[in-house]
Amino acid sequence: MDKKLQATFDRLKKEQSELNSRMLKLAKFCDTEKYKELPEPDRNDLRIQYNIMFTYNLILIKRITSMEIQVAMNKDSIKKNKKVK
């Protein structure tokens, strides 16, 4: 993997990890009495926020997986080209 692609990959992995951590914290908060005491509009906003975070997390995972597949395919292609020569 070239340096630019590696930097992008590392940034995506870090962002996904941080987002996942924030999602877990929000999910835990939503199971507390403090959450239940919030006004309904605030609880609704937090549910919407979690759902958006969840969707964004899926997109990050998809991008990371796509990059991993691309790198694996490139490695296979290089191995095959070396065998042909």
C-alpha atoms as a PDB file:
ATOM      1  CA  MET A   1       0.000   0.000   0.000  1.00  0.00           C
ATOM      2  CA  ASP A   2       1.481   3.358  -0.956  1.00  0.00           C
ATOM      3  CA  LYS A   3       1.973   6.038   1.709  1.00  0.00           C
ATOM      4  CA  LYS A   4      -0.971   8.200   0.659  1.00  0.00           C
ATOM      5  CA  LEU A   5      -3.361   5.247   0.601  1.00  0.00           C
ATOM      6  CA  GLN A   6      -1.970   4.009   3.929  1.00  0.00           C
ATOM      7  CA  ALA A   7      -2.507   7.450   5.504  1.00  0.00           C
ATOM      8  CA  THR A   8      -6.133   7.477   4.299  1.00  0.00           C
ATOM      9  CA  PHE A   9      -6.653   3.930   5.553  1.00  0.00           C
ATOM     10  CA  ASP A  10      -5.184   4.765   8.976  1.00  0.00           C
ATOM     11  CA  ARG A  11      -7.317   7.902   9.237  1.00  0.00           C
ATOM     12  CA  LEU A  12     -10.483   5.946   8.404  1.00  0.00           C
ATOM     13  CA  LYS A  13      -9.650   3.239  10.949  1.00  0.00           C
ATOM     14  CA  LYS A  14      -9.009   5.841  13.658  1.00  0.00           C
ATOM     15  CA  GLU A  15     -12.205   7.747  12.849  1.00  0.00           C
ATOM     16  CA  GLN A  16     -14.278   4.558  12.866  1.00  0.00           C
ATOM     17  CA  SER A  17     -12.784   3.471  16.188  1.00  0.00           C
ATOM     18  CA  GLU A  18     -13.467   6.856  17.797  1.00  0.00           C
ATOM     19  CA  LEU A  19     -17.008   6.925  16.421  1.00  0.00           C
ATOM     20  CA  ASN A  20     -17.659   3.421  17.700  1.00  0.00           C
ATOM     21  CA  SER A  21     -16.471   4.491  21.150  1.00  0.00           C
ATOM     22  CA  ARG A  22     -18.795   7.513  21.148  1.00  0.00           C
ATOM     23  CA  MET A  23     -21.697   5.321  20.033  1.00  0.00           C
ATOM     24  CA  LEU A  24     -21.108   2.919  22.917  1.00  0.00           C
ATOM     25  CA  LYS A  25     -21.031   5.812  25.387  1.00  0.00           C
ATOM     26  CA  LEU A  26     -24.265   7.216  23.998  1.00  0.00           C
ATOM     27  CA  ALA A  27     -25.930   3.802  24.092  1.00  0.00           C
ATOM     28  CA  LYS A  28     -24.902   3.379  27.740  1.00  0.00           C
ATOM     29  CA  PHE A  29     -26.220   6.845  28.564  1.00  0.00           C
ATOM     30  CA  CYS A  30     -29.554   5.985  26.957  1.00  0.00           C
ATOM     31  CA  ASP A  31     -29.933   3.170  29.510  1.00  0.00           C
ATOM     32  CA  THR A  32     -29.615   5.516  32.500  1.00  0.00           C
ATOM     33  CA  GLU A  33     -32.185   7.224  34.677  1.00  0.00           C
ATOM     34  CA  LYS A  34     -30.678  10.575  33.704  1.00  0.00           C
ATOM     35  CA  TYR A  35     -31.629   9.874  30.071  1.00  0.00           C
ATOM     36  CA  LYS A  36     -35.148   8.863  31.073  1.00  0.00           C
ATOM     37  CA  GLU A  37     -35.545  12.144  32.945  1.00  0.00           C
ATOM     38  CA  LEU A  38     -34.792  14.204  29.836  1.00  0.00           C
ATOM     39  CA  PRO A  39     -37.689  15.833  28.007  1.00  0.00           C
ATOM     40  CA  GLU A  40     -39.027  13.729  25.144  1.00  0.00           C
ATOM     41  CA  PRO A  41     -37.691  16.093  22.422  1.00  0.00           C
ATOM     42  CA  ASP A  42     -34.177  15.721  23.842  1.00  0.00           C
ATOM     43  CA  ARG A  43     -34.465  11.923  24.027  1.00  0.00           C
ATOM     44  CA  ASN A  44     -35.728  11.908  20.460  1.00  0.00           C
ATOM     45  CA  ASP A  45     -32.775  14.015  19.305  1.00  0.00           C
ATOM     46  CA  LEU A  46     -30.364  11.605  20.986  1.00  0.00           C
ATOM     47  CA  ARG A  47     -32.028   8.633  19.273  1.00  0.00           C
ATOM     48  CA  ILE A  48     -31.754  10.414  15.923  1.00  0.00           C
ATOM     49  CA  GLN A  49     -28.121  11.249  16.677  1.00  0.00           C
ATOM     50  CA  TYR A  50     -27.366   7.605  17.471  1.00  0.00           C
ATOM     51  CA  ASN A  51     -29.039   6.411  14.270  1.00  0.00           C
ATOM     52  CA  ILE A  52     -27.025   8.865  12.187  1.00  0.00           C
ATOM     53  CA  MET A  53     -23.829   7.818  13.943  1.00  0.00           C
ATOM     54  CA  PHE A  54     -24.732   4.172  13.280  1.00  0.00           C
ATOM     55  CA  THR A  55     -25.230   4.839   9.577  1.00  0.00           C
ATOM     56  CA  TYR A  56     -21.982   6.809   9.342  1.00  0.00           C
ATOM     57  CA  ASN A  57     -20.177   3.981  11.128  1.00  0.00           C
ATOM     58  CA  LEU A  58     -21.469   1.508   8.543  1.00  0.00           C
ATOM     59  CA  ILE A  59     -20.202   3.744   5.746  1.00  0.00           C
ATOM     60  CA  LEU A  60     -16.755   3.954   7.343  1.00  0.00           C
ATOM     61  CA  ILE A  61     -16.650   0.170   7.753  1.00  0.00           C
ATOM     62  CA  LYS A  62     -17.653  -0.261   4.118  1.00  0.00           C
ATOM     63  CA  ARG A  63     -14.889   2.099   2.963  1.00  0.00           C
ATOM     64  CA  ILE A  64     -12.301   0.352   5.147  1.00  0.00           C
ATOM     65  CA  THR A  65     -13.350  -3.061   3.881  1.00  0.00           C
ATOM     66  CA  SER A  66     -13.264  -1.860   0.289  1.00  0.00           C
ATOM     67  CA  MET A  67      -9.713  -0.585   0.756  1.00  0.00           C
ATOM     68  CA  GLU A  68      -8.651  -3.881   2.339  1.00  0.00           C
ATOM     69  CA  ILE A  69     -10.101  -5.818  -0.593  1.00  0.00           C
ATOM     70  CA  GLN A  70      -8.417  -3.491  -3.083  1.00  0.00           C
ATOM     71  CA  VAL A  71      -5.030  -3.990  -1.385  1.00  0.00           C
ATOM     72  CA  ALA A  72      -5.495  -7.770  -1.289  1.00  0.00           C
ATOM     73  CA  MET A  73      -6.419  -7.844  -4.982  1.00  0.00           C
ATOM     74  CA  ASN A  74      -3.377  -5.746  -5.849  1.00  0.00           C
ATOM     75  CA  LYS A  75      -1.118  -8.126  -3.918  1.00  0.00           C
ATOM     76  CA  ASP A  76      -2.612 -11.121  -5.755  1.00  0.00           C
ATOM     77  CA  SER A  77      -2.146  -9.367  -9.076  1.00  0.00           C
ATOM     78  CA  ILE A  78       1.500  -8.626  -8.298  1.00  0.00           C
ATOM     79  CA  LYS A  79       2.126 -12.267  -7.276  1.00  0.00           C
ATOM     80  CA  LYS A  80       0.533 -13.529 -10.500  1.00  0.00           C
ATOM     81  CA  ASN A  81       2.594 -11.126 -12.623  1.00  0.00           C
ATOM     82  CA  LYS A  82       5.807 -12.319 -10.943  1.00  0.00           C
ATOM     83  CA  LYS A  83       4.941 -15.977 -11.674  1.00  0.00           C
ATOM     84  CA  VAL A  84       4.266 -15.208 -15.366  1.00  0.00           C
ATOM     85  CA  LYS A  85       7.687 -13.634 -15.861  1.00  0.00           C
END
